Protein backbone atom coordinates (compact mmCIF):
# COMPACT_ATOMS: atom_id res chain seq x y z
CA UNK A 1 -0.08 -0.43 -0.28
CA UNK A 2 1.33 3.31 -0.97
CA UNK A 3 0.96 6.82 -0.08
CA UNK A 4 -2.12 7.21 -2.15
CA UNK A 5 -3.91 4.31 -0.29
CA UNK A 6 -2.49 5.71 3.06
CA UNK A 7 -4.03 9.37 1.95
CA UNK A 8 -7.55 7.41 2.19
CA UNK A 9 -7.05 5.81 5.44
CA UNK A 10 -6.00 9.69 6.52
CA UNK A 11 -9.66 10.98 5.48
CA UNK A 12 -11.74 7.45 6.60
CA UNK A 13 -9.96 7.18 9.75
CA UNK A 14 -10.70 3.41 9.34
CA UNK A 15 -8.27 0.75 8.29
CA UNK A 16 -9.40 -0.05 4.49
CA UNK A 17 -10.42 -3.55 3.55
CA UNK A 18 -9.18 -5.52 0.82
CA UNK A 19 -11.26 -6.82 -2.02
CA UNK A 20 -10.12 -10.18 -0.95
CA UNK A 21 -9.54 -11.93 2.31
CA UNK A 22 -7.99 -15.12 2.46
CA UNK A 23 -8.33 -17.56 5.42
CA UNK A 24 -5.56 -17.23 7.83
CA UNK A 25 -4.20 -19.16 10.49
CA UNK A 26 -1.33 -20.12 12.85
CA UNK A 27 0.12 -20.52 15.98
CA UNK A 28 2.02 -18.27 18.63
CA UNK A 29 4.47 -18.50 21.46
CA UNK A 30 4.32 -15.92 24.13
CA UNK A 31 7.79 -15.01 26.22
CA UNK A 32 8.36 -13.41 29.40
CA UNK A 33 11.35 -10.94 29.36
CA UNK A 34 13.48 -13.79 31.02
CA UNK A 35 12.89 -15.81 28.02
CA UNK A 36 10.61 -18.50 29.67
CA UNK A 37 7.66 -19.55 27.78
CA UNK A 38 4.36 -18.11 29.50
CA UNK A 39 1.88 -19.46 26.98
CA UNK A 40 0.91 -20.73 23.79
CA UNK A 41 -2.12 -20.27 21.33
CA UNK A 42 -3.89 -20.85 17.87
CA UNK A 43 -5.37 -18.65 16.06
CA UNK A 44 -7.46 -18.38 12.72
CA UNK A 45 -9.12 -15.55 10.57
CA UNK A 46 -11.77 -16.27 8.47
CA UNK A 47 -14.89 -14.11 6.47
CA UNK A 48 -18.44 -14.63 7.11
CA UNK A 49 -21.78 -12.58 6.50
CA UNK A 50 -23.23 -10.81 9.35
CA UNK A 51 -26.62 -9.41 8.79
CA UNK A 52 -25.87 -9.58 5.03
CA UNK A 53 -22.73 -7.94 5.56
CA UNK A 54 -19.37 -8.95 4.88
CA UNK A 55 -17.34 -9.78 8.43
CA UNK A 56 -14.03 -11.44 9.59
CA UNK A 57 -14.14 -13.61 12.64
CA UNK A 58 -11.04 -14.17 14.49
CA UNK A 59 -10.60 -17.10 16.96
CA UNK A 60 -7.63 -18.34 19.43
CA UNK A 61 -7.41 -20.81 21.76
CA UNK A 62 -4.80 -20.95 24.50
CA UNK A 63 -3.26 -22.04 27.48
CA UNK A 64 -0.75 -21.15 29.95
CA UNK A 65 0.42 -18.44 32.59
CA UNK A 66 -1.23 -14.99 32.13
CA UNK A 67 -1.16 -12.31 34.29
CA UNK A 68 -4.45 -12.25 36.00
CA UNK A 69 -4.11 -15.68 37.47
CA UNK A 70 -1.59 -17.48 39.85
CA UNK A 71 -2.26 -21.02 37.68
CA UNK A 72 -2.11 -22.27 34.51
CA UNK A 73 -5.50 -21.51 32.69
CA UNK A 74 -7.01 -22.15 29.19
CA UNK A 75 -9.40 -19.73 26.95
CA UNK A 76 -11.00 -19.31 24.25
CA UNK A 77 -11.66 -16.34 21.88
CA UNK A 78 -14.06 -15.58 19.36
CA UNK A 79 -13.96 -11.68 17.75
CA UNK A 80 -16.12 -10.46 14.91
CA UNK A 81 -15.28 -7.55 13.20
CA UNK A 82 -17.17 -5.70 10.42
CA UNK A 83 -15.07 -5.54 6.97
CA UNK A 84 -17.07 -3.31 4.59
CA UNK A 85 -15.56 0.18 4.19
CA UNK A 86 -13.19 -0.27 7.35
CA UNK A 87 -12.62 -2.61 9.96
CA UNK A 88 -14.86 -2.18 13.13
CA UNK A 89 -14.93 -4.25 15.77
CA UNK A 90 -18.86 -5.88 16.34
CA UNK A 91 -18.28 -8.65 19.10
CA UNK A 92 -15.71 -10.12 21.33
CA UNK A 93 -16.20 -12.99 23.86
CA UNK A 94 -13.43 -14.61 25.60
CA UNK A 95 -14.15 -17.39 28.14
CA UNK A 96 -11.28 -18.07 30.56
CA UNK A 97 -11.07 -21.75 32.47
CA UNK A 98 -8.77 -23.77 34.99
CA UNK A 99 -7.16 -26.50 34.01
CA UNK A 100 -10.00 -28.72 35.30
CA UNK A 101 -12.36 -27.06 33.11
CA UNK A 102 -14.01 -24.83 35.91
CA UNK A 103 -14.85 -21.56 34.13
CA UNK A 104 -13.36 -18.55 35.93
CA UNK A 105 -14.08 -15.46 33.76
CA UNK A 106 -16.24 -14.55 30.96
CA UNK A 107 -15.99 -11.45 29.25
CA UNK A 108 -18.11 -9.86 26.50
CA UNK A 109 -17.92 -6.60 24.10
CA UNK A 110 -20.48 -5.55 22.33
CA UNK A 111 -20.61 -2.62 19.79
CA UNK A 112 -23.37 -0.54 18.43
CA UNK A 113 -21.91 1.88 15.84
CA UNK A 114 -25.13 3.54 14.78
CA UNK A 115 -25.62 4.92 18.63
CA UNK A 116 -21.43 5.02 19.14
CA UNK A 117 -21.35 3.03 22.38
CA UNK A 118 -20.17 -0.46 23.60
CA UNK A 119 -21.24 -2.57 26.00
CA UNK A 120 -18.71 -4.01 28.36
CA UNK A 121 -19.59 -7.32 30.43
CA UNK A 122 -17.24 -9.17 32.85
CA UNK A 123 -18.47 -12.14 34.80
CA UNK A 124 -15.77 -13.58 37.42
CA UNK A 125 -16.61 -16.83 39.32
CA UNK A 126 -18.64 -16.35 42.33
CA UNK A 127 -18.84 -12.38 41.97
CA UNK A 128 -21.91 -10.02 40.57
CA UNK A 129 -21.31 -9.20 36.86
CA UNK A 130 -19.44 -6.38 36.12
CA UNK A 131 -21.42 -4.02 33.38
CA UNK A 132 -20.31 -0.68 31.90
CA UNK A 133 -21.55 1.22 28.74
CA UNK A 134 -18.51 3.67 26.91
CA UNK A 135 -19.37 5.85 24.14
CA UNK A 136 -16.90 5.18 21.53
CA UNK A 137 -16.08 6.80 18.05
CA UNK A 138 -15.99 5.39 14.67
CA UNK A 139 -12.46 4.51 14.58
CA UNK A 140 -12.31 2.18 17.78
CA UNK A 141 -9.85 -0.86 17.76
CA UNK A 142 -9.92 -3.57 20.19
CA UNK A 143 -7.07 -5.74 21.56
CA UNK A 144 -8.93 -9.05 20.52
CA UNK A 145 -8.09 -9.60 16.80
CA UNK A 146 -5.98 -6.34 15.86
CA UNK A 147 -2.96 -8.05 15.28
CA UNK A 148 -5.13 -9.39 12.16
CA UNK A 149 -6.61 -6.44 11.48
CA UNK A 150 -3.31 -4.05 11.43
CA UNK A 151 -1.60 -6.14 8.68
CA UNK A 152 -3.99 -4.57 5.99
CA UNK A 153 -2.43 -1.16 7.30
CA UNK A 154 0.81 -0.18 5.99
CA UNK A 155 1.42 3.70 7.11
CA UNK A 156 4.29 5.49 6.01
CA UNK A 157 7.12 7.18 7.78
CA UNK A 158 5.91 10.51 7.64
CA UNK A 159 2.27 9.55 7.82
CA UNK A 160 1.10 8.14 11.39
CA UNK A 161 -2.50 6.32 11.48
CA UNK A 162 -4.52 7.90 14.15
CA UNK A 163 -7.36 5.41 15.96
CA UNK A 164 -8.80 4.99 19.41
CA UNK A 165 -7.98 1.58 21.37
CA UNK A 166 -10.41 -0.09 23.88
CA UNK A 167 -8.55 -1.86 26.27
CA UNK A 168 -9.93 -4.41 29.12
CA UNK A 169 -9.81 -2.22 31.80
CA UNK A 170 -12.04 -0.81 30.21
CA UNK A 171 -10.44 2.24 29.08
CA UNK A 172 -10.68 3.97 25.73
CA UNK A 173 -6.74 5.61 24.62
CA UNK A 174 -6.18 7.97 21.73
CA UNK A 175 -3.39 6.38 19.93
CA UNK A 176 -1.23 6.27 16.83
CA UNK A 177 0.38 3.41 14.76
CA UNK A 178 3.92 5.10 13.28
CA UNK A 179 6.51 3.09 10.74
CA UNK A 180 10.02 2.70 12.57
CA UNK A 181 11.33 1.24 9.26
CA UNK A 182 12.51 -2.39 8.16
CA UNK A 183 13.91 -5.16 10.30
CA UNK A 184 14.35 -8.81 9.92
CA UNK A 185 13.00 -11.07 12.13
CA UNK A 186 13.63 -14.53 12.55
CA UNK A 187 11.24 -16.93 14.49
CA UNK A 188 10.53 -20.64 14.34
CA UNK A 189 8.17 -19.90 11.26
CA UNK A 190 11.18 -18.66 9.19
CA UNK A 191 13.06 -15.51 8.67
CA UNK A 192 11.34 -12.73 7.35
CA UNK A 193 11.74 -9.16 6.14
CA UNK A 194 9.34 -6.99 8.46
CA UNK A 195 7.93 -3.73 8.71
CA UNK A 196 8.09 -2.52 12.33
CA UNK A 197 4.93 -0.59 13.64
CA UNK A 198 4.81 1.29 17.24
CA UNK A 199 1.53 1.73 19.08
CA UNK A 200 2.13 5.30 20.54
CA UNK A 201 -0.29 6.43 23.08
CA UNK A 202 -1.78 10.01 23.59
CA UNK A 203 -2.79 10.61 27.17
CA UNK A 204 -3.56 14.60 27.03
CA UNK A 205 -2.28 16.51 29.83
CA UNK A 206 0.08 13.41 30.72
CA UNK A 207 1.55 12.91 27.23
CA UNK A 208 4.89 14.54 28.95
CA UNK A 209 5.05 10.68 30.65
CA UNK A 210 4.09 8.55 27.96
CA UNK A 211 7.81 7.72 27.66
CA UNK A 212 7.59 5.78 31.22
CA UNK A 213 4.81 3.62 29.14
CA UNK A 214 6.32 0.48 27.87
CA UNK A 215 6.96 0.28 24.33
CA UNK A 216 4.59 -1.60 22.19
CA UNK A 217 5.61 -2.78 18.25
CA UNK A 218 4.15 -5.01 16.00
CA UNK A 219 6.03 -6.53 13.01
CA UNK A 220 4.49 -7.55 9.71
CA UNK A 221 5.99 -9.24 6.41
CA UNK A 222 7.03 -6.34 3.99
CA UNK A 223 5.61 -9.24 1.09
CA UNK A 224 1.83 -8.66 0.67
CA UNK A 225 -0.64 -9.48 2.32
CA UNK A 226 2.09 -8.71 5.20
CA UNK A 227 1.33 -11.19 7.61
CA UNK A 228 1.65 -11.00 11.50
CA UNK A 229 5.20 -12.19 12.59
CA UNK A 230 5.80 -10.73 15.89
CA UNK A 231 4.52 -8.58 18.76
CA UNK A 232 6.64 -7.00 22.09
CA UNK A 233 4.53 -5.17 24.60
CA UNK A 234 2.06 -5.54 27.46
CA UNK A 235 0.54 -8.65 27.62
CA UNK A 236 -2.91 -7.67 28.11
CA UNK A 237 -3.03 -3.83 28.38
CA UNK A 238 -1.69 -1.35 30.47
CA UNK A 239 -0.14 -2.72 33.67
CA UNK A 240 0.36 -6.10 32.86
CA UNK A 241 3.79 -8.07 31.89
CA UNK A 242 5.93 -7.07 29.49
CA UNK A 243 5.91 -10.04 26.83
CA UNK A 244 7.25 -11.08 23.48
CA UNK A 245 4.70 -13.01 21.15
CA UNK A 246 6.07 -14.65 17.94
CA UNK A 247 5.04 -16.66 15.27
CA UNK A 248 5.59 -20.37 15.53
CA UNK A 249 3.84 -21.73 12.39
CA UNK A 250 1.27 -20.22 9.90
CA UNK A 251 -0.91 -21.57 7.51
CA UNK A 252 -1.58 -19.18 4.51
């Protein structure tokens, strides 16, 4: 995608949807800062129709140690994104269970883009459900599935892509995605020439302190269709451990 495509992104404030989206699947290994494996996951992206309109569904199944829990857990995730004029999240559901199958947490997000709101629900074992509704702008992205969607965005170094990011706190952040050049990245899945993309938060009056926030990077292949290869940053939003996630194998 060149500068002309980027200008379309600039005015629409949405990541543009290509004419075709091929099925995409793979697996990831996630490491802590000391190099030990925290968890592994299998994931896939496929197209579907939602109320007669094109969408993508991103699924993930994982197991291991994540920041909220002192023991190993398993989880399943399904995130549906609208894929018409631009990518917009519609519904997210994540279920986390103990190794014996006991359900620990269920989180849901439902977007009503006509009203500009998202309904957030979190049900924790033996506790009353947490329910919140937040106003969100049309350019809002969510953590769930973001790596699959960002591969369709390739900004140039002079024009960062602006958006809002909804985290699992839940909280809405103004962010830009800024190109940091190219790097060679070696993973168990192969050796790839990649674009390096940084997620930069914009914190309003606290922006002076943004450099105290952990850096967050995504790597995508330079060769189209720009497959995801690596992630480095917070495991699950601000305040969670720094991790490195990399492709262990991919089917595409």
